Amino acid sequence: MIELFARDIAQWQFETSATFGSEWAQAKATLRYDWSEEEAIAAGWKRSSNGFSWTETIQHIGKVVIVPSAAGAQESFDLDEVSVRGVAN
């Protein structure tokens, strides 16, 4: 699961299809800074119950967190690299 926080609170979550095991796996999520809240939800992002709007979260992003989801949760896992890539339209 990938979570975006506005500063340190009010996250949006994206459940990836990556499963963690003994082999390398990529967990990917697409996001756009110009999405409306409806577009973010349609792309698979879920707002927490105390979450801000998509626009406000993106404008004040303070933290990105990567955690195993409740389904198939693990005690720990190794995270080797995090990258954010912009793509021009």
Protein backbone atom coordinates (compact mmCIF):
# COMPACT_ATOMS: atom_id res chain seq x y z
CA MET A 1 0.00 0.00 0.00
CA ILE A 2 1.23 3.48 -0.85
CA GLU A 3 -0.02 6.36 1.28
CA LEU A 4 0.20 10.10 0.66
CA PHE A 5 -0.13 12.49 3.59
CA ALA A 6 -0.88 16.20 3.67
CA ARG A 7 1.97 17.13 5.98
CA ASP A 8 1.65 14.35 8.57
CA ILE A 9 -2.11 13.77 8.61
CA ALA A 10 -5.12 12.89 6.48
CA GLN A 11 -3.83 10.30 4.06
CA TRP A 12 -4.92 8.95 0.72
CA GLN A 13 -4.14 5.25 0.11
CA PHE A 14 -3.47 3.19 -2.98
CA GLU A 15 -3.50 -0.60 -2.77
CA THR A 16 -0.94 -1.97 -5.23
CA SER A 17 -1.05 -5.44 -6.73
CA ALA A 18 2.54 -6.12 -5.65
CA THR A 19 3.16 -9.11 -3.43
CA PHE A 20 6.30 -9.22 -1.34
CA GLY A 21 8.34 -12.39 -1.21
CA SER A 22 11.96 -13.42 -1.63
CA GLU A 23 12.18 -11.89 -5.13
CA TRP A 24 12.23 -8.20 -6.11
CA ALA A 25 8.81 -6.68 -6.69
CA GLN A 26 7.70 -3.26 -7.92
CA ALA A 27 4.82 -1.45 -6.28
CA LYS A 28 3.54 1.28 -8.59
CA ALA A 29 0.88 3.94 -8.33
CA THR A 30 -0.12 6.62 -10.80
CA LEU A 31 -1.07 10.06 -9.59
CA ARG A 32 -1.67 13.41 -11.20
CA TYR A 33 -1.42 16.75 -9.52
CA ASP A 34 -4.29 18.14 -11.59
CA TRP A 35 -6.79 15.36 -10.85
CA SER A 36 -10.14 16.13 -9.31
CA GLU A 37 -11.13 14.07 -6.30
CA GLU A 38 -13.39 11.96 -8.52
CA GLU A 39 -10.50 11.25 -10.92
CA ALA A 40 -8.22 10.20 -8.06
CA ILE A 41 -10.88 7.84 -6.73
CA ALA A 42 -11.50 6.43 -10.23
CA ALA A 43 -7.74 5.73 -10.48
CA GLY A 44 -7.88 3.62 -7.30
CA TRP A 45 -6.91 6.11 -4.59
CA LYS A 46 -8.99 6.02 -1.38
CA ARG A 47 -9.35 8.96 0.98
CA SER A 48 -9.17 8.29 4.71
CA SER A 49 -12.15 9.30 6.83
CA ASN A 50 -10.28 12.39 8.03
CA GLY A 51 -8.65 13.05 4.64
CA PHE A 52 -8.44 16.41 2.93
CA SER A 53 -9.41 16.88 -0.70
CA TRP A 54 -7.08 15.45 -3.34
CA THR A 55 -5.99 18.94 -4.38
CA GLU A 56 -5.21 20.03 -0.83
CA THR A 57 -3.32 16.81 -0.11
CA ILE A 58 -1.17 17.13 -3.23
CA GLN A 59 -0.50 20.84 -2.63
CA HIS A 60 0.63 20.17 0.96
CA ILE A 61 2.18 16.73 0.58
CA GLY A 62 4.48 16.06 3.47
CA LYS A 63 5.02 12.34 3.54
CA VAL A 64 4.86 9.25 1.33
CA VAL A 65 4.61 5.94 3.20
CA ILE A 66 4.94 2.43 1.80
CA VAL A 67 3.55 -0.33 4.01
CA PRO A 68 2.41 -3.92 3.58
CA SER A 69 -1.38 -4.05 3.46
CA ALA A 70 -3.48 -5.87 6.02
CA ALA A 71 -3.99 -8.67 3.47
CA GLY A 72 -0.72 -10.60 3.46
CA ALA A 73 0.86 -8.33 6.06
CA GLN A 74 4.43 -9.05 7.06
CA GLU A 75 6.46 -8.25 10.15
CA SER A 76 9.04 -6.45 8.01
CA PHE A 77 10.25 -6.04 4.46
CA ASP A 78 13.23 -4.42 2.74
CA LEU A 79 12.65 -1.32 0.67
CA ASP A 80 15.52 -0.68 -1.70
CA GLU A 81 14.47 2.27 -3.82
CA VAL A 82 11.70 4.83 -4.12
CA SER A 83 11.45 6.94 -7.24
CA VAL A 84 9.00 9.55 -8.42
CA ARG A 85 8.89 10.18 -12.13
CA GLY A 86 7.14 12.93 -13.99
CA VAL A 87 5.78 12.37 -17.47
CA ALA A 88 4.92 15.24 -19.79
CA ASN A 89 1.59 15.02 -21.54
